Amino acid sequence: MATSPDQTVYFNGYHNRSPGLGSVGAYQVAGTPYLTASNVGAGLEVQITFPALPRSITIINKDAANDDLHIRFAAAGTDAGQHYISLDAQNSSVTFNVRTRSIFLQAPVGAVDFQLFAELTGIATNLMPDFNIANWPGITV
């Protein structure tokens, strides 16, 4: 049996068995599909929590009455301003190339039907900071 002439131990103990936030390859390959659809009641908000960090998220407003759907990265109660994207017509959509633990969908006036598609990486969500805290620049303040 052949053995390597290099017997150094430089990398012993440095083997990370799962990808992390800086794992470029996790964002370059196609993601694992994640699909959901539901209804957000009038004046209510729902939180979609992902089982792994997404590399992209697409949200489609499917509401026939053309009611607004607000998309946030933190709960509305933590928002000091208008930190949301609004989809205001049936079949309008937006795609985010972001990594986040969860996303919040709010129907400020009437109930709204939506569809969500995400491409998930193999990266654990607990490695990402929680945006649902007060004073997060650009998200809550």
N, C-alpha and C. Protein backbone atom coordinates (compact mmCIF):
# COMPACT_ATOMS: atom_id res chain seq x y z
N MET A 1 0.83 -1.18 0.00
CA MET A 1 0.00 0.00 0.00
C MET A 1 0.88 1.24 0.00
N ALA A 2 0.56 2.17 -0.85
CA ALA A 2 1.35 3.40 -0.95
C ALA A 2 0.95 4.37 0.15
N THR A 3 1.92 5.09 0.65
CA THR A 3 1.65 6.12 1.65
C THR A 3 2.19 7.43 1.15
N SER A 4 1.61 8.51 1.61
CA SER A 4 2.04 9.84 1.19
C SER A 4 3.33 10.21 1.92
N PRO A 5 4.25 10.84 1.21
CA PRO A 5 5.47 11.30 1.88
C PRO A 5 5.19 12.47 2.83
N ASP A 6 4.05 13.13 2.63
CA ASP A 6 3.69 14.26 3.49
C ASP A 6 3.03 13.72 4.76
N GLN A 7 3.72 13.78 5.85
CA GLN A 7 3.20 13.28 7.12
C GLN A 7 2.88 14.42 8.09
N THR A 8 2.70 15.65 7.57
CA THR A 8 2.39 16.79 8.43
C THR A 8 0.97 16.67 8.97
N VAL A 9 0.70 17.40 10.03
CA VAL A 9 -0.62 17.36 10.66
C VAL A 9 -1.27 18.75 10.66
N TYR A 10 -0.96 19.54 9.62
CA TYR A 10 -1.46 20.91 9.56
C TYR A 10 -2.98 21.00 9.66
N PHE A 11 -3.70 20.08 9.02
CA PHE A 11 -5.14 20.20 8.94
C PHE A 11 -5.89 19.20 9.82
N ASN A 12 -5.20 18.51 10.71
CA ASN A 12 -5.89 17.60 11.62
C ASN A 12 -6.86 18.39 12.50
N GLY A 13 -8.10 17.95 12.52
CA GLY A 13 -9.12 18.60 13.35
C GLY A 13 -9.82 19.77 12.69
N TYR A 14 -9.46 20.09 11.47
CA TYR A 14 -10.07 21.22 10.78
C TYR A 14 -11.06 20.81 9.70
N HIS A 15 -11.61 19.66 9.81
CA HIS A 15 -12.53 19.17 8.79
C HIS A 15 -13.96 19.54 9.19
N ASN A 16 -14.55 20.44 8.43
CA ASN A 16 -15.94 20.83 8.66
C ASN A 16 -16.81 19.96 7.76
N ARG A 17 -17.69 19.19 8.33
CA ARG A 17 -18.46 18.23 7.56
C ARG A 17 -19.71 18.81 6.91
N SER A 18 -20.07 20.03 7.24
CA SER A 18 -21.25 20.64 6.63
C SER A 18 -20.89 22.04 6.14
N PRO A 19 -21.58 22.53 5.11
CA PRO A 19 -21.26 23.86 4.57
C PRO A 19 -21.65 24.96 5.55
N GLY A 20 -20.95 26.08 5.43
CA GLY A 20 -21.24 27.24 6.27
C GLY A 20 -21.67 28.42 5.44
N LEU A 21 -21.80 29.59 6.08
CA LEU A 21 -22.29 30.79 5.40
C LEU A 21 -21.40 31.20 4.23
N GLY A 22 -20.11 30.93 4.31
CA GLY A 22 -19.18 31.32 3.26
C GLY A 22 -18.94 30.23 2.22
N SER A 23 -19.72 29.19 2.24
CA SER A 23 -19.54 28.08 1.29
C SER A 23 -20.09 28.48 -0.07
N VAL A 24 -19.22 28.99 -0.93
CA VAL A 24 -19.64 29.50 -2.23
C VAL A 24 -20.36 28.43 -3.06
N GLY A 25 -19.86 27.23 -3.03
CA GLY A 25 -20.46 26.16 -3.82
C GLY A 25 -21.92 25.90 -3.48
N ALA A 26 -22.30 26.12 -2.23
CA ALA A 26 -23.69 25.90 -1.82
C ALA A 26 -24.65 26.85 -2.53
N TYR A 27 -24.15 28.01 -2.94
CA TYR A 27 -24.99 29.00 -3.62
C TYR A 27 -24.89 28.89 -5.14
N GLN A 28 -23.88 28.17 -5.65
CA GLN A 28 -23.69 28.05 -7.09
C GLN A 28 -24.48 26.89 -7.70
N VAL A 29 -24.68 25.85 -6.94
CA VAL A 29 -25.41 24.69 -7.46
C VAL A 29 -26.92 24.92 -7.31
N ALA A 30 -27.70 24.18 -8.07
CA ALA A 30 -29.15 24.29 -7.94
C ALA A 30 -29.56 23.90 -6.53
N GLY A 31 -30.53 24.62 -5.99
CA GLY A 31 -30.99 24.36 -4.64
C GLY A 31 -32.06 23.29 -4.58
N THR A 32 -32.30 22.82 -3.38
CA THR A 32 -33.39 21.87 -3.13
C THR A 32 -34.70 22.65 -3.15
N PRO A 33 -35.70 22.20 -3.92
CA PRO A 33 -36.94 22.98 -4.01
C PRO A 33 -37.75 22.97 -2.71
N TYR A 34 -38.34 24.10 -2.43
CA TYR A 34 -39.23 24.28 -1.28
C TYR A 34 -40.43 25.07 -1.79
N LEU A 35 -41.61 24.48 -1.73
CA LEU A 35 -42.83 25.12 -2.23
C LEU A 35 -43.88 25.18 -1.14
N THR A 36 -44.61 26.29 -1.10
CA THR A 36 -45.75 26.40 -0.21
C THR A 36 -46.71 27.44 -0.79
N ALA A 37 -47.96 27.32 -0.44
CA ALA A 37 -48.98 28.28 -0.84
C ALA A 37 -50.01 28.34 0.28
N SER A 38 -50.57 29.51 0.48
CA SER A 38 -51.54 29.65 1.56
C SER A 38 -52.29 30.97 1.39
N ASN A 39 -52.97 31.35 2.47
CA ASN A 39 -53.74 32.58 2.52
C ASN A 39 -53.35 33.32 3.79
N VAL A 40 -53.16 34.63 3.66
CA VAL A 40 -52.90 35.48 4.81
C VAL A 40 -54.18 36.24 5.09
N GLY A 41 -54.73 36.09 6.27
CA GLY A 41 -55.97 36.76 6.63
C GLY A 41 -55.81 38.27 6.68
N ALA A 42 -56.92 38.99 6.46
CA ALA A 42 -56.92 40.45 6.47
C ALA A 42 -56.35 40.98 7.79
N GLY A 43 -55.36 41.86 7.69
CA GLY A 43 -54.74 42.45 8.87
C GLY A 43 -53.80 41.53 9.62
N LEU A 44 -53.53 40.35 9.07
CA LEU A 44 -52.67 39.38 9.75
C LEU A 44 -51.33 39.23 9.05
N GLU A 45 -50.45 38.49 9.70
CA GLU A 45 -49.10 38.23 9.18
C GLU A 45 -48.75 36.77 9.42
N VAL A 46 -48.09 36.14 8.46
CA VAL A 46 -47.61 34.77 8.65
C VAL A 46 -46.10 34.76 8.49
N GLN A 47 -45.47 33.88 9.22
CA GLN A 47 -44.03 33.69 9.13
C GLN A 47 -43.75 32.36 8.45
N ILE A 48 -42.93 32.38 7.40
CA ILE A 48 -42.48 31.17 6.74
C ILE A 48 -41.05 30.93 7.21
N THR A 49 -40.82 29.84 7.92
CA THR A 49 -39.48 29.50 8.41
C THR A 49 -38.93 28.39 7.54
N PHE A 50 -37.73 28.59 7.03
CA PHE A 50 -37.12 27.63 6.11
C PHE A 50 -36.35 26.55 6.87
N PRO A 51 -36.37 25.31 6.35
CA PRO A 51 -35.62 24.23 7.00
C PRO A 51 -34.11 24.32 6.77
N ALA A 52 -33.68 25.08 5.77
CA ALA A 52 -32.27 25.36 5.48
C ALA A 52 -32.22 26.74 4.84
N LEU A 53 -31.04 27.36 4.81
CA LEU A 53 -30.94 28.69 4.22
C LEU A 53 -31.23 28.64 2.72
N PRO A 54 -32.07 29.54 2.23
CA PRO A 54 -32.34 29.59 0.80
C PRO A 54 -31.26 30.36 0.06
N ARG A 55 -31.09 30.04 -1.21
CA ARG A 55 -30.22 30.84 -2.09
C ARG A 55 -31.07 31.82 -2.87
N SER A 56 -32.37 31.53 -3.02
CA SER A 56 -33.31 32.47 -3.63
C SER A 56 -34.72 32.15 -3.14
N ILE A 57 -35.57 33.19 -3.15
CA ILE A 57 -36.97 33.07 -2.72
C ILE A 57 -37.82 33.83 -3.73
N THR A 58 -38.85 33.19 -4.26
CA THR A 58 -39.80 33.85 -5.15
C THR A 58 -41.18 33.80 -4.51
N ILE A 59 -41.84 34.96 -4.45
CA ILE A 59 -43.17 35.06 -3.86
C ILE A 59 -44.10 35.63 -4.92
N ILE A 60 -45.28 35.00 -5.06
CA ILE A 60 -46.27 35.42 -6.06
C ILE A 60 -47.57 35.76 -5.34
N ASN A 61 -48.09 36.95 -5.60
CA ASN A 61 -49.39 37.36 -5.08
C ASN A 61 -50.45 36.75 -5.99
N LYS A 62 -51.25 35.82 -5.49
CA LYS A 62 -52.28 35.13 -6.29
C LYS A 62 -53.68 35.64 -5.99
N ASP A 63 -53.79 36.77 -5.31
CA ASP A 63 -55.09 37.27 -4.87
C ASP A 63 -55.89 37.87 -6.02
N ALA A 64 -57.08 37.33 -6.26
CA ALA A 64 -57.94 37.80 -7.36
C ALA A 64 -58.46 39.21 -7.13
N ALA A 65 -58.54 39.64 -5.88
CA ALA A 65 -59.05 40.98 -5.57
C ALA A 65 -57.95 42.05 -5.65
N ASN A 66 -56.74 41.66 -6.00
CA ASN A 66 -55.60 42.57 -6.11
C ASN A 66 -55.26 43.30 -4.82
N ASP A 67 -55.47 42.62 -3.67
CA ASP A 67 -55.07 43.20 -2.39
C ASP A 67 -53.55 43.14 -2.25
N ASP A 68 -52.99 44.10 -1.53
CA ASP A 68 -51.54 44.16 -1.32
C ASP A 68 -51.05 43.01 -0.45
N LEU A 69 -49.85 42.56 -0.75
CA LEU A 69 -49.14 41.59 0.07
C LEU A 69 -47.80 42.22 0.43
N HIS A 70 -47.55 42.44 1.72
CA HIS A 70 -46.29 43.01 2.17
C HIS A 70 -45.33 41.90 2.54
N ILE A 71 -44.09 42.03 2.09
CA ILE A 71 -43.05 41.03 2.34
C ILE A 71 -41.98 41.68 3.20
N ARG A 72 -41.67 41.05 4.32
CA ARG A 72 -40.70 41.59 5.27
C ARG A 72 -39.71 40.51 5.68
N PHE A 73 -38.59 40.95 6.24
CA PHE A 73 -37.60 40.03 6.79
C PHE A 73 -37.63 40.04 8.32
N ALA A 74 -38.55 40.80 8.90
CA ALA A 74 -38.77 40.83 10.35
C ALA A 74 -40.26 41.06 10.57
N ALA A 75 -40.76 40.66 11.72
CA ALA A 75 -42.18 40.82 12.03
C ALA A 75 -42.57 42.30 12.01
N ALA A 76 -43.80 42.57 11.65
CA ALA A 76 -44.29 43.95 11.54
C ALA A 76 -44.14 44.72 12.84
N GLY A 77 -44.27 44.06 13.98
CA GLY A 77 -44.16 44.73 15.27
C GLY A 77 -42.78 45.26 15.57
N THR A 78 -41.75 44.73 14.90
CA THR A 78 -40.38 45.20 15.13
C THR A 78 -39.98 46.27 14.14
N ASP A 79 -40.86 46.61 13.22
CA ASP A 79 -40.57 47.52 12.13
C ASP A 79 -40.88 48.96 12.52
N ALA A 80 -39.86 49.81 12.53
CA ALA A 80 -40.05 51.22 12.88
C ALA A 80 -40.40 52.07 11.66
N GLY A 81 -40.36 51.49 10.47
CA GLY A 81 -40.64 52.24 9.25
C GLY A 81 -41.28 51.33 8.21
N GLN A 82 -41.15 51.73 6.98
CA GLN A 82 -41.75 50.94 5.90
C GLN A 82 -40.69 50.02 5.29
N HIS A 83 -40.24 49.06 6.03
CA HIS A 83 -39.22 48.12 5.58
C HIS A 83 -39.89 46.87 5.02
N TYR A 84 -40.53 47.04 3.87
CA TYR A 84 -41.20 45.92 3.22
C TYR A 84 -41.27 46.17 1.73
N ILE A 85 -41.50 45.09 0.99
CA ILE A 85 -41.78 45.15 -0.45
C ILE A 85 -43.26 44.83 -0.59
N SER A 86 -43.97 45.56 -1.45
CA SER A 86 -45.39 45.34 -1.63
C SER A 86 -45.68 44.78 -3.02
N LEU A 87 -46.42 43.66 -3.05
CA LEU A 87 -46.93 43.11 -4.31
C LEU A 87 -48.40 43.48 -4.36
N ASP A 88 -48.79 44.28 -5.36
CA ASP A 88 -50.13 44.87 -5.34
C ASP A 88 -51.09 44.38 -6.41
N ALA A 89 -50.74 43.38 -7.18
CA ALA A 89 -51.65 42.91 -8.22
C ALA A 89 -51.57 41.39 -8.33
N GLN A 90 -52.65 40.80 -8.81
CA GLN A 90 -52.67 39.34 -8.99
C GLN A 90 -51.56 38.93 -9.95
N ASN A 91 -50.85 37.88 -9.58
CA ASN A 91 -49.74 37.31 -10.33
C ASN A 91 -48.49 38.18 -10.37
N SER A 92 -48.44 39.26 -9.59
CA SER A 92 -47.19 39.99 -9.46
C SER A 92 -46.26 39.18 -8.58
N SER A 93 -44.96 39.26 -8.87
CA SER A 93 -44.02 38.43 -8.13
C SER A 93 -42.71 39.18 -7.90
N VAL A 94 -41.93 38.67 -6.98
CA VAL A 94 -40.61 39.21 -6.71
C VAL A 94 -39.71 38.03 -6.33
N THR A 95 -38.45 38.11 -6.76
CA THR A 95 -37.45 37.09 -6.40
C THR A 95 -36.33 37.76 -5.63
N PHE A 96 -36.00 37.20 -4.49
CA PHE A 96 -34.90 37.69 -3.66
C PHE A 96 -33.77 36.67 -3.72
N ASN A 97 -32.58 37.11 -4.01
CA ASN A 97 -31.39 36.26 -3.91
C ASN A 97 -30.74 36.58 -2.58
N VAL A 98 -31.31 36.04 -1.52
CA VAL A 98 -30.88 36.34 -0.16
C VAL A 98 -30.78 35.05 0.66
N ARG A 99 -30.12 35.16 1.77
CA ARG A 99 -30.12 34.07 2.74
C ARG A 99 -30.74 34.62 4.02
N THR A 100 -31.74 33.93 4.51
CA THR A 100 -32.49 34.35 5.69
C THR A 100 -33.11 33.12 6.35
N ARG A 101 -33.33 33.21 7.63
CA ARG A 101 -33.98 32.10 8.36
C ARG A 101 -35.45 31.99 8.02
N SER A 102 -36.09 33.16 7.84
CA SER A 102 -37.53 33.17 7.61
C SER A 102 -37.93 34.44 6.88
N ILE A 103 -39.18 34.46 6.46
CA ILE A 103 -39.73 35.63 5.79
C ILE A 103 -41.15 35.83 6.31
N PHE A 104 -41.60 37.07 6.37
CA PHE A 104 -42.91 37.41 6.91
C PHE A 104 -43.78 37.98 5.80
N LEU A 105 -45.00 37.49 5.70
CA LEU A 105 -45.96 37.97 4.70
C LEU A 105 -47.16 38.55 5.43
N GLN A 106 -47.55 39.76 5.04
CA GLN A 106 -48.62 40.48 5.73
C GLN A 106 -49.66 40.94 4.73
N ALA A 107 -50.93 40.82 5.11
CA ALA A 107 -52.05 41.32 4.32
C ALA A 107 -52.64 42.51 5.07
N PRO A 108 -52.23 43.73 4.73
CA PRO A 108 -52.66 44.89 5.52
C PRO A 108 -54.13 45.25 5.39
N VAL A 109 -54.78 44.90 4.27
CA VAL A 109 -56.19 45.30 4.07
C VAL A 109 -57.09 44.08 3.97
N GLY A 110 -57.04 43.37 2.85
CA GLY A 110 -57.88 42.19 2.66
C GLY A 110 -57.04 40.92 2.66
N ALA A 111 -57.71 39.80 2.83
CA ALA A 111 -57.02 38.51 2.81
C ALA A 111 -56.34 38.31 1.45
N VAL A 112 -55.15 37.69 1.45
CA VAL A 112 -54.35 37.54 0.23
C VAL A 112 -53.88 36.09 0.09
N ASP A 113 -54.07 35.54 -1.12
CA ASP A 113 -53.51 34.22 -1.44
C ASP A 113 -52.11 34.43 -2.00
N PHE A 114 -51.19 33.51 -1.67
CA PHE A 114 -49.82 33.63 -2.17
C PHE A 114 -49.24 32.26 -2.47
N GLN A 115 -48.20 32.26 -3.28
CA GLN A 115 -47.38 31.08 -3.52
C GLN A 115 -45.94 31.48 -3.25
N LEU A 116 -45.16 30.53 -2.72
CA LEU A 116 -43.75 30.78 -2.43
C LEU A 116 -42.92 29.62 -2.94
N PHE A 117 -41.83 29.95 -3.62
CA PHE A 117 -40.86 28.96 -4.06
C PHE A 117 -39.49 29.41 -3.58
N ALA A 118 -38.75 28.50 -2.98
CA ALA A 118 -37.39 28.80 -2.53
C ALA A 118 -36.45 27.69 -2.98
N GLU A 119 -35.21 28.07 -3.27
CA GLU A 119 -34.15 27.11 -3.54
C GLU A 119 -33.30 27.04 -2.29
N LEU A 120 -33.31 25.89 -1.62
CA LEU A 120 -32.60 25.75 -0.36
C LEU A 120 -31.18 25.23 -0.57
N THR A 121 -30.26 25.75 0.21
CA THR A 121 -28.89 25.24 0.25
C THR A 121 -28.83 24.14 1.30
N GLY A 122 -27.67 23.61 1.55
CA GLY A 122 -27.49 22.63 2.62
C GLY A 122 -26.99 23.28 3.90
N ILE A 123 -27.11 24.59 4.00
CA ILE A 123 -26.58 25.34 5.14
C ILE A 123 -27.64 25.47 6.23
N ALA A 124 -27.25 25.16 7.45
CA ALA A 124 -28.17 25.22 8.59
C ALA A 124 -28.59 26.66 8.88
N THR A 125 -29.86 26.86 9.21
CA THR A 125 -30.39 28.20 9.47
C THR A 125 -29.82 28.83 10.74
N ASN A 126 -29.38 28.01 11.69
CA ASN A 126 -28.87 28.57 12.95
C ASN A 126 -27.54 29.29 12.77
N LEU A 127 -26.91 29.17 11.61
CA LEU A 127 -25.67 29.90 11.34
C LEU A 127 -25.92 31.35 10.94
N MET A 128 -27.16 31.65 10.57
CA MET A 128 -27.52 32.99 10.10
C MET A 128 -28.06 33.82 11.25
N PRO A 129 -27.70 35.10 11.33
CA PRO A 129 -28.28 35.95 12.38
C PRO A 129 -29.80 36.06 12.23
N ASP A 130 -30.47 36.30 13.34
CA ASP A 130 -31.93 36.45 13.33
C ASP A 130 -32.27 37.90 13.02
N PHE A 131 -32.88 38.15 11.85
CA PHE A 131 -33.26 39.50 11.47
C PHE A 131 -34.45 40.01 12.27
N ASN A 132 -35.16 39.13 12.94
CA ASN A 132 -36.37 39.51 13.66
C ASN A 132 -36.03 40.07 15.05
N ILE A 133 -35.08 40.96 15.07
CA ILE A 133 -34.72 41.64 16.31
C ILE A 133 -34.77 43.14 16.05
N ALA A 134 -34.95 43.91 17.10
CA ALA A 134 -35.03 45.37 16.95
C ALA A 134 -33.68 45.95 16.54
N ASN A 135 -33.71 47.04 15.83
CA ASN A 135 -32.54 47.81 15.44
C ASN A 135 -31.60 47.11 14.47
N TRP A 136 -32.14 46.29 13.57
CA TRP A 136 -31.31 45.70 12.52
C TRP A 136 -31.35 46.67 11.34
N PRO A 137 -30.22 47.29 10.98
CA PRO A 137 -30.20 48.31 9.92
C PRO A 137 -30.77 47.80 8.60
N GLY A 138 -31.67 48.58 8.02
CA GLY A 138 -32.27 48.26 6.74
C GLY A 138 -33.42 47.27 6.80
N ILE A 139 -33.63 46.66 7.95
CA ILE A 139 -34.70 45.68 8.09
C ILE A 139 -35.73 46.13 9.12
N THR A 140 -35.27 46.63 10.25
CA THR A 140 -36.20 47.10 11.28
C THR A 140 -36.06 48.59 11.58
N VAL A 141 -34.96 49.19 11.18
CA VAL A 141 -34.76 50.65 11.40
C VAL A 141 -34.22 51.28 10.13
